[in-house]
């Protein structure tokens, strides 16, 4: 039995991006990055609490 839990896309660089909409834990955005074998994922941008979403 299959249970649909989200969707995903394959970009032009061969990297798959998954978006889960049914997560078992809270505090997780549901975004999953699948890098090709032998590569390293890009460094995540640091989170800065209190920073406005739109910088002036």
N, C-alpha and C. Protein backbone atom coordinates (compact mmCIF):
# COMPACT_ATOMS: atom_id res chain seq x y z
N UNK A 1 0.85 -1.18 0.00
CA UNK A 1 0.00 0.00 0.00
C UNK A 1 0.89 1.24 0.00
N UNK A 2 0.61 2.18 -0.87
CA UNK A 2 1.35 3.43 -0.96
C UNK A 2 0.57 4.53 -0.26
N UNK A 3 1.29 5.40 0.42
CA UNK A 3 0.69 6.56 1.07
C UNK A 3 1.40 7.80 0.56
N UNK A 4 0.65 8.69 -0.07
CA UNK A 4 1.25 9.91 -0.59
C UNK A 4 1.61 10.83 0.58
N UNK A 5 2.85 11.24 0.64
CA UNK A 5 3.31 12.08 1.75
C UNK A 5 3.91 13.40 1.29
N UNK A 6 3.80 13.74 0.04
CA UNK A 6 4.36 14.99 -0.43
C UNK A 6 4.62 14.94 -1.92
N UNK A 7 5.59 15.76 -2.36
CA UNK A 7 5.95 15.78 -3.78
C UNK A 7 7.42 16.15 -3.89
N UNK A 8 7.92 16.17 -5.09
CA UNK A 8 9.32 16.49 -5.30
C UNK A 8 9.58 16.88 -6.74
N UNK A 9 10.80 17.31 -6.97
CA UNK A 9 11.19 17.68 -8.33
C UNK A 9 12.67 17.41 -8.53
N UNK A 10 13.04 17.16 -9.75
CA UNK A 10 14.43 16.95 -10.14
C UNK A 10 14.87 18.19 -10.90
N UNK A 11 15.92 18.89 -10.40
CA UNK A 11 16.35 20.10 -11.09
C UNK A 11 17.33 19.78 -12.23
N UNK A 12 17.76 20.80 -12.93
CA UNK A 12 18.62 20.61 -14.11
C UNK A 12 20.01 20.10 -13.75
N UNK A 13 20.42 20.20 -12.49
CA UNK A 13 21.73 19.71 -12.04
C UNK A 13 21.69 18.26 -11.59
N UNK A 14 20.53 17.61 -11.69
CA UNK A 14 20.40 16.22 -11.28
C UNK A 14 20.17 16.03 -9.79
N UNK A 15 19.74 17.09 -9.12
CA UNK A 15 19.49 17.04 -7.68
C UNK A 15 17.98 16.99 -7.45
N UNK A 16 17.57 16.05 -6.59
CA UNK A 16 16.14 15.89 -6.30
C UNK A 16 15.81 16.64 -5.01
N UNK A 17 14.73 17.41 -5.04
CA UNK A 17 14.25 18.16 -3.89
C UNK A 17 12.90 17.58 -3.49
N UNK A 18 12.79 17.09 -2.26
CA UNK A 18 11.54 16.51 -1.78
C UNK A 18 10.87 17.43 -0.77
N UNK A 19 9.54 17.44 -0.79
CA UNK A 19 8.75 18.25 0.13
C UNK A 19 7.70 17.36 0.78
N UNK A 20 7.94 17.00 2.04
CA UNK A 20 7.05 16.11 2.77
C UNK A 20 5.96 16.93 3.46
N UNK A 21 4.71 16.54 3.28
CA UNK A 21 3.63 17.27 3.95
C UNK A 21 3.03 16.50 5.12
N UNK A 22 3.55 15.31 5.39
CA UNK A 22 3.12 14.54 6.56
C UNK A 22 4.37 14.11 7.31
N UNK A 23 4.76 14.90 8.28
CA UNK A 23 5.98 14.61 9.02
C UNK A 23 5.65 14.06 10.41
N UNK A 24 6.45 13.12 10.91
CA UNK A 24 6.16 12.51 12.20
C UNK A 24 6.56 13.37 13.39
N UNK A 25 7.36 14.41 13.16
CA UNK A 25 7.81 15.26 14.26
C UNK A 25 7.53 16.71 13.94
N UNK A 26 7.40 17.53 14.96
CA UNK A 26 7.20 18.96 14.76
C UNK A 26 8.53 19.68 14.62
N UNK A 27 8.49 20.90 14.14
CA UNK A 27 9.69 21.70 14.00
C UNK A 27 10.53 21.36 12.79
N UNK A 28 10.00 20.60 11.87
CA UNK A 28 10.71 20.19 10.66
C UNK A 28 9.92 20.72 9.47
N UNK A 29 10.58 21.42 8.57
CA UNK A 29 9.90 22.06 7.44
C UNK A 29 9.37 21.06 6.43
N UNK A 30 9.94 19.86 6.38
CA UNK A 30 9.52 18.87 5.41
C UNK A 30 10.37 18.88 4.14
N UNK A 31 11.31 19.81 4.03
CA UNK A 31 12.18 19.89 2.86
C UNK A 31 13.30 18.87 3.00
N UNK A 32 13.54 18.07 1.95
CA UNK A 32 14.60 17.07 1.94
C UNK A 32 15.42 17.26 0.66
N UNK A 33 16.74 17.32 0.82
CA UNK A 33 17.66 17.54 -0.29
C UNK A 33 18.37 16.22 -0.57
N UNK A 34 18.24 15.71 -1.78
CA UNK A 34 18.89 14.46 -2.18
C UNK A 34 20.03 14.78 -3.14
N UNK A 35 21.26 14.77 -2.63
CA UNK A 35 22.42 15.06 -3.47
C UNK A 35 22.85 13.79 -4.20
N UNK A 36 23.37 13.93 -5.42
CA UNK A 36 23.88 12.76 -6.13
C UNK A 36 25.04 12.11 -5.36
N UNK A 37 25.24 10.82 -5.53
CA UNK A 37 26.30 10.08 -4.85
C UNK A 37 27.65 10.69 -5.24
N UNK A 38 28.50 10.90 -4.25
CA UNK A 38 29.83 11.44 -4.50
C UNK A 38 29.93 12.95 -4.41
N UNK A 39 28.83 13.64 -4.16
CA UNK A 39 28.86 15.09 -4.02
C UNK A 39 28.49 15.46 -2.58
N UNK A 40 28.83 16.68 -2.22
CA UNK A 40 28.45 17.17 -0.90
C UNK A 40 27.40 18.26 -1.07
N UNK A 41 26.41 18.30 -0.18
CA UNK A 41 25.39 19.33 -0.29
C UNK A 41 25.96 20.71 0.02
N UNK A 42 25.29 21.72 -0.47
CA UNK A 42 25.71 23.10 -0.22
C UNK A 42 25.55 23.42 1.26
N UNK A 43 26.38 24.33 1.75
CA UNK A 43 26.28 24.74 3.15
C UNK A 43 24.97 25.50 3.36
N UNK A 44 24.22 25.18 4.43
CA UNK A 44 22.97 25.90 4.67
C UNK A 44 23.25 27.32 5.12
N UNK A 45 22.34 28.23 4.79
CA UNK A 45 22.48 29.60 5.25
C UNK A 45 22.15 29.64 6.74
N UNK A 46 22.89 30.43 7.51
CA UNK A 46 22.63 30.49 8.95
C UNK A 46 21.28 31.15 9.22
N UNK A 47 20.62 30.68 10.28
CA UNK A 47 19.37 31.28 10.70
C UNK A 47 19.66 32.36 11.71
N UNK A 48 19.07 33.51 11.51
CA UNK A 48 19.30 34.64 12.41
C UNK A 48 17.97 35.05 13.04
N UNK A 49 17.76 34.69 14.30
CA UNK A 49 16.50 35.05 14.95
C UNK A 49 16.29 36.55 14.98
N UNK A 50 15.08 36.97 14.71
CA UNK A 50 14.74 38.39 14.77
C UNK A 50 15.03 39.16 13.50
N UNK A 51 15.64 38.53 12.52
CA UNK A 51 15.95 39.23 11.27
C UNK A 51 14.69 39.31 10.43
N UNK A 52 14.43 40.48 9.86
CA UNK A 52 13.24 40.67 9.02
C UNK A 52 13.36 39.84 7.76
N UNK A 53 12.21 39.37 7.25
CA UNK A 53 12.20 38.58 6.02
C UNK A 53 12.63 39.39 4.82
N UNK A 54 12.28 40.67 4.80
CA UNK A 54 12.66 41.55 3.68
C UNK A 54 13.64 42.57 4.22
N UNK A 55 14.84 42.54 3.70
CA UNK A 55 15.85 43.50 4.14
C UNK A 55 15.72 44.77 3.34
N UNK A 56 15.91 45.89 3.99
CA UNK A 56 15.79 47.19 3.30
C UNK A 56 17.14 47.68 2.87
